[in-house]
Amino acid sequence: MIIYSMLLCLLALSVFNDIKESRIRNIYVLFAVSGGLLANVYYYGFGGLKSSLLGIAVPMVLLGILFYAGLMGAGDIKLFSAIGALLGEEFILCAMAYSFIFAGIQALISLTKKEIKKYEDKPDKYIKTLCSFYANIRLFCFNPVLYFKSSEEKHSIKLSPAIAAGALFNLMLCTYIT
């Protein structure tokens, strides 16, 4: 129960701070990692320590490529690692997958709002914009490297709400399915 409380505090503080200041504070991550390591050792012994350490390492290894490509911030990876420290490597792998699904939905909604707002006073150009928007989505889905190289305009979203949604969704699935 203490691990879930730490998770909820970590997610709430991280999302609030990321939205407000565009950063995830190291102190939140540090407390979650140290608390996760201690709690897992206390409750599960050596197996808990191993799971917690793997939960920290897996996001760093898998998402480090996205960080070096400039597609993800270091704070997001630290947040994933802190969640992994609390709940282990199996949990964080599933949570990462769900988080990216939620991030895709969030990005699609954000881009759609942006395109609609841009041409709300020019209805005739709206259809042309939607066709261009659809072409960009197709290009991104089939060749994301070419999309990012050809895009003159950069668009970013706050990833922490999607990370929180993915972690909570996975927690809900783990709780009610098993």
Protein backbone atom coordinates (compact mmCIF):
# COMPACT_ATOMS: atom_id res chain seq x y z
CA MET A 1 0.00 0.00 0.00
CA ILE A 2 2.88 2.38 0.75
CA ILE A 3 4.29 1.82 -2.75
CA TYR A 4 0.99 2.84 -4.34
CA SER A 5 0.83 5.94 -2.14
CA MET A 6 4.36 6.90 -3.21
CA LEU A 7 3.38 6.32 -6.85
CA LEU A 8 0.32 8.55 -6.60
CA CYS A 9 2.32 11.33 -4.89
CA LEU A 10 5.08 11.07 -7.48
CA LEU A 11 2.64 11.24 -10.39
CA ALA A 12 0.59 14.10 -8.96
CA LEU A 13 3.62 16.23 -8.10
CA SER A 14 5.39 15.50 -11.38
CA VAL A 15 2.40 16.27 -13.58
CA PHE A 16 1.61 19.47 -11.68
CA ASN A 17 5.20 20.67 -11.81
CA ASP A 18 5.68 19.69 -15.46
CA ILE A 19 2.58 21.58 -16.54
CA LYS A 20 3.43 24.61 -14.39
CA GLU A 21 7.21 24.85 -14.90
CA SER A 22 7.98 22.44 -17.79
CA ARG A 23 10.25 20.31 -15.64
CA ILE A 24 10.12 17.33 -13.33
CA ARG A 25 12.03 18.00 -10.14
CA ASN A 26 14.86 15.66 -9.24
CA ILE A 27 13.78 15.62 -5.60
CA TYR A 28 10.50 13.87 -6.51
CA VAL A 29 12.39 11.26 -8.51
CA LEU A 30 15.01 10.81 -5.80
CA PHE A 31 12.41 10.19 -3.08
CA ALA A 32 10.48 7.77 -5.29
CA VAL A 33 13.60 5.83 -6.30
CA SER A 34 14.97 5.58 -2.75
CA GLY A 35 11.52 4.81 -1.34
CA GLY A 36 10.91 2.20 -4.02
CA LEU A 37 14.24 0.50 -3.39
CA LEU A 38 13.71 0.46 0.39
CA ALA A 39 10.09 -0.68 0.22
CA ASN A 40 10.82 -3.44 -2.28
CA VAL A 41 13.75 -4.72 -0.24
CA TYR A 42 11.63 -4.63 2.94
CA TYR A 43 8.62 -6.42 1.41
CA TYR A 44 10.24 -8.75 -1.14
CA GLY A 45 13.90 -9.11 -0.16
CA PHE A 46 16.55 -9.67 -2.79
CA GLY A 47 13.96 -10.32 -5.52
CA GLY A 48 12.40 -6.94 -4.79
CA LEU A 49 15.78 -5.23 -5.02
CA LYS A 50 16.50 -6.91 -8.35
CA SER A 51 13.07 -5.96 -9.74
CA SER A 52 13.44 -2.39 -8.54
CA LEU A 53 16.93 -1.98 -10.03
CA LEU A 54 15.76 -3.43 -13.35
CA GLY A 55 12.77 -1.08 -13.21
CA ILE A 56 15.19 1.83 -12.97
CA ALA A 57 17.49 0.58 -15.75
CA VAL A 58 14.94 -0.51 -18.36
CA PRO A 59 13.57 2.99 -19.15
CA MET A 60 17.07 4.46 -19.26
CA VAL A 61 18.26 1.88 -21.76
CA LEU A 62 15.15 1.76 -23.93
CA LEU A 63 14.34 5.48 -23.94
CA GLY A 64 17.88 6.82 -24.01
CA ILE A 65 17.78 6.64 -27.81
CA LEU A 66 14.74 8.92 -27.89
CA PHE A 67 16.48 11.36 -25.57
CA TYR A 68 19.60 11.55 -27.74
CA ALA A 69 17.42 12.01 -30.83
CA GLY A 70 15.79 15.00 -29.11
CA LEU A 71 12.36 13.37 -29.05
CA MET A 72 12.02 13.04 -25.28
CA GLY A 73 13.18 14.96 -22.25
CA ALA A 74 15.42 13.59 -19.52
CA GLY A 75 12.76 14.33 -16.90
CA ASP A 76 10.34 11.97 -18.61
CA ILE A 77 12.90 9.17 -18.55
CA LYS A 78 13.65 9.89 -14.88
CA LEU A 79 9.90 9.71 -14.16
CA PHE A 80 9.65 6.34 -15.91
CA SER A 81 12.67 5.11 -13.92
CA ALA A 82 11.15 6.27 -10.64
CA ILE A 83 7.94 4.40 -11.46
CA GLY A 84 10.06 1.36 -12.31
CA ALA A 85 11.86 1.64 -8.97
CA LEU A 86 8.51 1.52 -7.21
CA LEU A 87 6.80 -1.26 -9.17
CA GLY A 88 9.47 -3.18 -11.07
CA GLU A 89 10.51 -3.93 -14.62
CA GLU A 90 7.42 -5.83 -15.76
CA PHE A 91 5.14 -3.04 -14.64
CA ILE A 92 7.22 -0.29 -16.23
CA LEU A 93 7.39 -2.03 -19.62
CA CYS A 94 3.59 -2.20 -19.82
CA ALA A 95 3.22 1.31 -18.38
CA MET A 96 5.60 2.67 -21.02
CA ALA A 97 3.56 1.09 -23.80
CA TYR A 98 0.29 2.51 -22.44
CA SER A 99 1.93 5.89 -21.88
CA PHE A 100 2.98 6.13 -25.51
CA ILE A 101 -0.56 5.26 -26.62
CA PHE A 102 -1.93 8.05 -24.40
CA ALA A 103 0.80 10.41 -25.66
CA GLY A 104 -0.20 9.67 -29.25
CA ILE A 105 -3.82 10.48 -28.47
CA GLN A 106 -2.75 13.64 -26.63
CA ALA A 107 -0.56 14.74 -29.56
CA LEU A 108 -3.31 14.09 -32.10
CA ILE A 109 -5.81 16.15 -30.09
CA SER A 110 -3.27 18.94 -29.61
CA LEU A 111 -2.36 19.07 -33.30
CA THR A 112 -6.01 18.99 -34.36
CA LYS A 113 -6.85 21.90 -32.04
CA LYS A 114 -3.87 23.83 -33.37
CA GLU A 115 -4.86 23.32 -37.00
CA ILE A 116 -8.51 24.21 -36.37
CA LYS A 117 -7.57 27.38 -34.46
CA LYS A 118 -5.19 28.44 -37.22
CA TYR A 119 -7.94 28.56 -39.87
CA GLU A 120 -11.13 29.10 -37.88
CA ASP A 121 -11.84 32.42 -39.64
CA LYS A 122 -11.14 30.95 -43.14
CA PRO A 123 -13.51 28.00 -43.71
CA ASP A 124 -12.45 27.51 -47.35
CA LYS A 125 -8.85 26.81 -46.33
CA TYR A 126 -9.98 24.46 -43.56
CA ILE A 127 -10.52 21.49 -45.93
CA LYS A 128 -7.10 22.02 -47.51
CA THR A 129 -5.54 22.16 -44.05
CA LEU A 130 -7.19 18.91 -42.98
CA CYS A 131 -5.90 17.17 -46.11
CA SER A 132 -2.39 18.46 -45.38
CA PHE A 133 -2.76 17.40 -41.75
CA TYR A 134 -3.82 13.90 -42.84
CA ALA A 135 -0.80 13.71 -45.19
CA ASN A 136 1.51 14.67 -42.31
CA ILE A 137 0.01 11.98 -40.08
CA ARG A 138 0.50 9.40 -42.85
CA LEU A 139 4.10 10.50 -43.36
CA PHE A 140 4.74 10.28 -39.60
CA CYS A 141 3.20 6.78 -39.34
CA PHE A 142 5.06 5.32 -42.30
CA ASN A 143 8.38 7.17 -42.07
CA PRO A 144 8.83 9.11 -38.82
CA VAL A 145 12.51 9.93 -39.48
CA LEU A 146 11.61 11.64 -42.77
CA TYR A 147 8.74 13.45 -41.03
CA PHE A 148 10.97 14.98 -38.37
CA LYS A 149 13.64 15.93 -40.92
CA SER A 150 11.09 17.58 -43.24
CA SER A 151 9.06 19.36 -40.58
CA GLU A 152 9.81 23.06 -40.45
CA GLU A 153 7.53 23.62 -37.48
CA LYS A 154 8.20 21.73 -34.26
CA HIS A 155 5.39 20.68 -31.97
CA SER A 156 5.85 19.34 -28.47
CA ILE A 157 3.57 18.10 -25.73
CA LYS A 158 4.00 17.60 -22.02
CA LEU A 159 4.59 13.88 -21.65
CA SER A 160 4.07 13.59 -17.88
CA PRO A 161 0.23 13.48 -18.08
CA ALA A 162 0.48 10.62 -20.57
CA ILE A 163 3.04 8.85 -18.36
CA ALA A 164 0.72 9.23 -15.37
CA ALA A 165 -2.26 7.99 -17.39
CA GLY A 166 -0.29 4.99 -18.66
CA ALA A 167 0.98 4.08 -15.18
CA LEU A 168 -2.47 4.44 -13.60
CA PHE A 169 -4.12 2.50 -16.43
CA ASN A 170 -1.59 -0.30 -16.00
CA LEU A 171 -2.08 -0.22 -12.24
CA MET A 172 -5.82 -0.51 -12.74
CA LEU A 173 -5.37 -3.44 -15.11
CA CYS A 174 -2.97 -5.20 -12.73
CA THR A 175 -5.32 -4.67 -9.81
CA TYR A 176 -8.54 -5.82 -11.46
CA ILE A 177 -7.26 -8.53 -13.80
CA THR A 178 -5.06 -10.45 -11.37
